[in-house]
């Protein structure tokens, strides 16, 4: 079986036989798969009138457990965002009545962000829809190959410190 990446690698091999293009083949496929999966999940989230960025906020709050509440700083850190980027997302989600912001009772200067009941419903339904799309993309691989792929990717990411971060991938 060959694909477009093989065609690109063949062209580079012809034009620059001195280059080792193995990494280009691996990362070209990873990039294409990530884009394909991202587009599919973005489309799934759109049914709930949220973007991937907004889903990340809802998912982070949902995964936090009862009372589904975090400070904006904790949200930003979990999503590896600036507080400014988080504020813009929170503004949109609050306007859509998916989250609320209230004063932190333990810190006069602090604020807490909490999922509303509607926000929890949207988070639960959107994560299921996104996972369904991801499962669809994996459906032609038998389970042992899925396990092998996950382990290979985990091993590839380990030197970069990615494998140890639980919030990677929402």
C-alpha atoms as a PDB file:
ATOM      1  CA  UNK A   1       0.000   0.000   0.000  1.00  0.00           C
ATOM      2  CA  UNK A   2       1.322   3.454  -0.884  1.00  0.00           C
ATOM      3  CA  UNK A   3       0.015   6.936  -0.202  1.00  0.00           C
ATOM      4  CA  UNK A   4       0.658  10.569  -1.091  1.00  0.00           C
ATOM      5  CA  UNK A   5       3.488  10.735   1.421  1.00  0.00           C
ATOM      6  CA  UNK A   6       5.266   7.923  -0.451  1.00  0.00           C
ATOM      7  CA  UNK A   7       4.942   9.962  -3.645  1.00  0.00           C
ATOM      8  CA  UNK A   8       6.485  12.988  -1.935  1.00  0.00           C
ATOM      9  CA  UNK A   9       9.311  10.889  -0.510  1.00  0.00           C
ATOM     10  CA  UNK A  10       9.998   9.391  -3.947  1.00  0.00           C
ATOM     11  CA  UNK A  11      10.231  12.905  -5.403  1.00  0.00           C
ATOM     12  CA  UNK A  12      12.699  13.975  -2.712  1.00  0.00           C
ATOM     13  CA  UNK A  13      14.685  10.776  -3.228  1.00  0.00           C
ATOM     14  CA  UNK A  14      14.930  11.532  -6.930  1.00  0.00           C
ATOM     15  CA  UNK A  15      15.815  15.203  -6.440  1.00  0.00           C
ATOM     16  CA  UNK A  16      17.942  14.904  -3.300  1.00  0.00           C
ATOM     17  CA  UNK A  17      19.184  11.322  -2.906  1.00  0.00           C
ATOM     18  CA  UNK A  18      21.598  12.573  -0.233  1.00  0.00           C
ATOM     19  CA  UNK A  19      18.718  13.246   2.214  1.00  0.00           C
ATOM     20  CA  UNK A  20      17.331  10.728   4.695  1.00  0.00           C
ATOM     21  CA  UNK A  21      13.576  11.389   4.435  1.00  0.00           C
ATOM     22  CA  UNK A  22      12.421   8.725   6.911  1.00  0.00           C
ATOM     23  CA  UNK A  23      11.371  11.322   9.513  1.00  0.00           C
ATOM     24  CA  UNK A  24       9.469  13.261   6.850  1.00  0.00           C
ATOM     25  CA  UNK A  25       7.423  10.143   6.123  1.00  0.00           C
ATOM     26  CA  UNK A  26       6.569   9.574   9.780  1.00  0.00           C
ATOM     27  CA  UNK A  27       5.795  13.173  10.678  1.00  0.00           C
ATOM     28  CA  UNK A  28       4.037  13.902   7.390  1.00  0.00           C
ATOM     29  CA  UNK A  29       1.596  11.100   8.172  1.00  0.00           C
ATOM     30  CA  UNK A  30       1.228  12.189  11.804  1.00  0.00           C
ATOM     31  CA  UNK A  31       0.512  15.750  10.666  1.00  0.00           C
ATOM     32  CA  UNK A  32      -2.078  14.612   8.112  1.00  0.00           C
ATOM     33  CA  UNK A  33      -3.752  12.314  10.620  1.00  0.00           C
ATOM     34  CA  UNK A  34      -3.837  15.070  13.256  1.00  0.00           C
ATOM     35  CA  UNK A  35      -5.378  17.469  10.759  1.00  0.00           C
ATOM     36  CA  UNK A  36      -7.935  14.878   9.639  1.00  0.00           C
ATOM     37  CA  UNK A  37      -8.865  14.045  13.244  1.00  0.00           C
ATOM     38  CA  UNK A  38      -8.934  17.725  14.207  1.00  0.00           C
ATOM     39  CA  UNK A  39     -11.253  18.599  11.339  1.00  0.00           C
ATOM     40  CA  UNK A  40     -13.555  15.661  12.155  1.00  0.00           C
ATOM     41  CA  UNK A  41     -13.794  16.520  15.858  1.00  0.00           C
ATOM     42  CA  UNK A  42     -14.207  20.231  15.111  1.00  0.00           C
ATOM     43  CA  UNK A  43     -17.175  19.320  12.905  1.00  0.00           C
ATOM     44  CA  UNK A  44     -18.607  17.150  15.698  1.00  0.00           C
ATOM     45  CA  UNK A  45     -18.263  20.023  18.216  1.00  0.00           C
ATOM     46  CA  UNK A  46     -19.900  22.468  15.810  1.00  0.00           C
ATOM     47  CA  UNK A  47     -23.179  20.582  16.285  1.00  0.00           C
ATOM     48  CA  UNK A  48     -23.082  21.922  19.859  1.00  0.00           C
ATOM     49  CA  UNK A  49     -22.191  25.461  18.705  1.00  0.00           C
ATOM     50  CA  UNK A  50     -18.718  25.289  20.233  1.00  0.00           C
ATOM     51  CA  UNK A  51     -15.238  25.346  18.765  1.00  0.00           C
ATOM     52  CA  UNK A  52     -12.348  23.044  19.639  1.00  0.00           C
ATOM     53  CA  UNK A  53     -10.919  25.827  21.807  1.00  0.00           C
ATOM     54  CA  UNK A  54     -14.173  26.179  23.710  1.00  0.00           C
ATOM     55  CA  UNK A  55     -14.494  22.410  24.026  1.00  0.00           C
ATOM     56  CA  UNK A  56     -11.057  22.350  25.671  1.00  0.00           C
ATOM     57  CA  UNK A  57     -12.328  24.683  28.413  1.00  0.00           C
ATOM     58  CA  UNK A  58     -15.520  22.674  28.951  1.00  0.00           C
ATOM     59  CA  UNK A  59     -13.607  19.375  28.953  1.00  0.00           C
ATOM     60  CA  UNK A  60     -11.036  20.677  31.434  1.00  0.00           C
ATOM     61  CA  UNK A  61     -13.772  21.785  33.822  1.00  0.00           C
ATOM     62  CA  UNK A  62     -15.703  18.535  33.340  1.00  0.00           C
ATOM     63  CA  UNK A  63     -12.625  16.391  34.031  1.00  0.00           C
ATOM     64  CA  UNK A  64     -11.956  18.381  37.208  1.00  0.00           C
ATOM     65  CA  UNK A  65     -14.901  16.603  38.854  1.00  0.00           C
ATOM     66  CA  UNK A  66     -17.468  18.038  41.242  1.00  0.00           C
ATOM     67  CA  UNK A  67     -18.078  20.945  41.516  1.00  0.00           C
ATOM     68  CA  UNK A  68     -16.650  21.295  37.946  1.00  0.00           C
ATOM     69  CA  UNK A  69     -14.921  24.507  38.954  1.00  0.00           C
ATOM     70  CA  UNK A  70     -11.403  25.942  38.546  1.00  0.00           C
ATOM     71  CA  UNK A  71      -9.698  29.300  38.728  1.00  0.00           C
ATOM     72  CA  UNK A  72      -8.896  30.947  35.382  1.00  0.00           C
ATOM     73  CA  UNK A  73      -5.204  30.462  36.178  1.00  0.00           C
ATOM     74  CA  UNK A  74      -5.646  26.729  36.773  1.00  0.00           C
ATOM     75  CA  UNK A  75      -7.649  26.471  33.544  1.00  0.00           C
ATOM     76  CA  UNK A  76      -4.964  28.334  31.592  1.00  0.00           C
ATOM     77  CA  UNK A  77      -2.199  26.164  33.033  1.00  0.00           C
ATOM     78  CA  UNK A  78      -4.085  22.958  32.279  1.00  0.00           C
ATOM     79  CA  UNK A  79      -4.684  24.024  28.685  1.00  0.00           C
ATOM     80  CA  UNK A  80      -1.176  25.523  28.301  1.00  0.00           C
ATOM     81  CA  UNK A  81      -2.645  28.906  27.353  1.00  0.00           C
ATOM     82  CA  UNK A  82      -2.078  32.480  28.370  1.00  0.00           C
ATOM     83  CA  UNK A  83      -4.611  33.926  30.779  1.00  0.00           C
ATOM     84  CA  UNK A  84      -5.598  36.375  28.016  1.00  0.00           C
ATOM     85  CA  UNK A  85      -6.429  33.526  25.644  1.00  0.00           C
ATOM     86  CA  UNK A  86      -8.407  31.844  28.390  1.00  0.00           C
ATOM     87  CA  UNK A  87     -10.355  35.032  29.139  1.00  0.00           C
ATOM     88  CA  UNK A  88     -11.552  35.340  25.536  1.00  0.00           C
ATOM     89  CA  UNK A  89     -12.785  31.733  25.584  1.00  0.00           C
ATOM     90  CA  UNK A  90     -14.487  32.237  28.940  1.00  0.00           C
ATOM     91  CA  UNK A  91     -16.251  35.346  27.667  1.00  0.00           C
ATOM     92  CA  UNK A  92     -17.772  33.367  24.771  1.00  0.00           C
ATOM     93  CA  UNK A  93     -18.726  30.410  26.974  1.00  0.00           C
ATOM     94  CA  UNK A  94     -20.276  32.640  29.626  1.00  0.00           C
ATOM     95  CA  UNK A  95     -22.316  34.440  26.978  1.00  0.00           C
ATOM     96  CA  UNK A  96     -23.541  31.008  25.775  1.00  0.00           C
ATOM     97  CA  UNK A  97     -24.494  30.152  29.409  1.00  0.00           C
ATOM     98  CA  UNK A  98     -22.116  27.170  29.466  1.00  0.00           C
ATOM     99  CA  UNK A  99     -19.981  28.528  32.329  1.00  0.00           C
ATOM    100  CA  UNK A 100     -20.337  31.068  35.087  1.00  0.00           C
ATOM    101  CA  UNK A 101     -17.708  33.171  36.834  1.00  0.00           C
ATOM    102  CA  UNK A 102     -18.072  34.032  40.483  1.00  0.00           C
ATOM    103  CA  UNK A 103     -15.876  35.464  43.236  1.00  0.00           C
ATOM    104  CA  UNK A 104     -13.587  32.970  44.951  1.00  0.00           C
ATOM    105  CA  UNK A 105     -14.774  32.752  48.580  1.00  0.00           C
ATOM    106  CA  UNK A 106     -11.205  31.972  49.684  1.00  0.00           C
ATOM    107  CA  UNK A 107      -9.467  34.774  47.759  1.00  0.00           C
ATOM    108  CA  UNK A 108     -10.984  38.266  47.543  1.00  0.00           C
ATOM    109  CA  UNK A 109      -9.096  38.939  44.294  1.00  0.00           C
ATOM    110  CA  UNK A 110      -9.869  35.548  42.758  1.00  0.00           C
ATOM    111  CA  UNK A 111     -12.553  34.252  40.463  1.00  0.00           C
ATOM    112  CA  UNK A 112     -13.842  30.720  39.947  1.00  0.00           C
ATOM    113  CA  UNK A 113     -15.150  29.353  36.662  1.00  0.00           C
ATOM    114  CA  UNK A 114     -17.846  26.696  36.917  1.00  0.00           C
ATOM    115  CA  UNK A 115     -19.707  24.613  34.384  1.00  0.00           C
ATOM    116  CA  UNK A 116     -23.416  25.289  34.311  1.00  0.00           C
ATOM    117  CA  UNK A 117     -25.800  22.342  34.073  1.00  0.00           C
ATOM    118  CA  UNK A 118     -26.122  23.151  30.375  1.00  0.00           C
ATOM    119  CA  UNK A 119     -22.329  23.336  30.082  1.00  0.00           C
ATOM    120  CA  UNK A 120     -21.966  19.905  31.639  1.00  0.00           C
ATOM    121  CA  UNK A 121     -24.519  18.470  29.212  1.00  0.00           C
ATOM    122  CA  UNK A 122     -22.752  20.044  26.236  1.00  0.00           C
ATOM    123  CA  UNK A 123     -19.356  18.823  27.482  1.00  0.00           C
ATOM    124  CA  UNK A 124     -20.658  15.280  27.938  1.00  0.00           C
ATOM    125  CA  UNK A 125     -22.380  15.178  24.550  1.00  0.00           C
ATOM    126  CA  UNK A 126     -19.500  16.859  22.703  1.00  0.00           C
ATOM    127  CA  UNK A 127     -16.854  14.533  24.150  1.00  0.00           C
ATOM    128  CA  UNK A 128     -18.938  11.527  23.098  1.00  0.00           C
ATOM    129  CA  UNK A 129     -19.370  12.967  19.586  1.00  0.00           C
ATOM    130  CA  UNK A 130     -15.659  13.753  19.259  1.00  0.00           C
ATOM    131  CA  UNK A 131     -14.676  10.299  20.482  1.00  0.00           C
ATOM    132  CA  UNK A 132     -17.078   8.718  18.010  1.00  0.00           C
ATOM    133  CA  UNK A 133     -15.273  10.526  15.185  1.00  0.00           C
ATOM    134  CA  UNK A 134     -11.876   9.445  16.511  1.00  0.00           C
ATOM    135  CA  UNK A 135     -13.091   5.854  16.846  1.00  0.00           C
ATOM    136  CA  UNK A 136     -14.363   6.015  13.267  1.00  0.00           C
ATOM    137  CA  UNK A 137     -10.893   7.018  12.097  1.00  0.00           C
ATOM    138  CA  UNK A 138      -9.370   4.075  13.977  1.00  0.00           C
ATOM    139  CA  UNK A 139     -12.071   1.574  13.047  1.00  0.00           C
ATOM    140  CA  UNK A 140     -10.126  -0.148  10.259  1.00  0.00           C
ATOM    141  CA  UNK A 141      -7.225  -0.989  12.601  1.00  0.00           C
ATOM    142  CA  UNK A 142      -7.543  -4.151  14.692  1.00  0.00           C
ATOM    143  CA  UNK A 143      -7.209  -3.610  18.450  1.00  0.00           C
ATOM    144  CA  UNK A 144      -3.658  -4.998  18.740  1.00  0.00           C
ATOM    145  CA  UNK A 145      -2.492  -2.518  16.075  1.00  0.00           C
ATOM    146  CA  UNK A 146      -4.273   0.344  17.895  1.00  0.00           C
ATOM    147  CA  UNK A 147      -2.491  -0.644  21.109  1.00  0.00           C
ATOM    148  CA  UNK A 148       0.809  -0.833  19.252  1.00  0.00           C
ATOM    149  CA  UNK A 149       0.273   2.568  17.642  1.00  0.00           C
ATOM    150  CA  UNK A 150      -0.590   4.165  20.996  1.00  0.00           C
ATOM    151  CA  UNK A 151       2.530   2.673  22.577  1.00  0.00           C
ATOM    152  CA  UNK A 152       4.764   3.769  19.706  1.00  0.00           C
ATOM    153  CA  UNK A 153       3.424   7.328  19.873  1.00  0.00           C
ATOM    154  CA  UNK A 154       3.794   7.380  23.678  1.00  0.00           C
ATOM    155  CA  UNK A 155       7.407   6.235  23.315  1.00  0.00           C
ATOM    156  CA  UNK A 156       8.066   8.835  20.607  1.00  0.00           C
ATOM    157  CA  UNK A 157       6.684  11.624  22.802  1.00  0.00           C
ATOM    158  CA  UNK A 158       8.383  10.535  26.057  1.00  0.00           C
ATOM    159  CA  UNK A 159      11.718  12.349  25.521  1.00  0.00           C
ATOM    160  CA  UNK A 160       9.797  15.589  24.996  1.00  0.00           C
ATOM    161  CA  UNK A 161       7.984  15.188  28.315  1.00  0.00           C
ATOM    162  CA  UNK A 162       4.609  14.844  26.603  1.00  0.00           C
ATOM    163  CA  UNK A 163       3.797  11.333  27.777  1.00  0.00           C
ATOM    164  CA  UNK A 164       3.711  12.340  31.440  1.00  0.00           C
ATOM    165  CA  UNK A 165       1.191  15.199  31.056  1.00  0.00           C
ATOM    166  CA  UNK A 166      -2.354  13.952  31.783  1.00  0.00           C
ATOM    167  CA  UNK A 167      -4.051  16.962  30.180  1.00  0.00           C
ATOM    168  CA  UNK A 168      -2.544  16.374  26.758  1.00  0.00           C
ATOM    169  CA  UNK A 169      -5.322  15.736  24.268  1.00  0.00           C
ATOM    170  CA  UNK A 170      -8.239  16.908  26.454  1.00  0.00           C
END
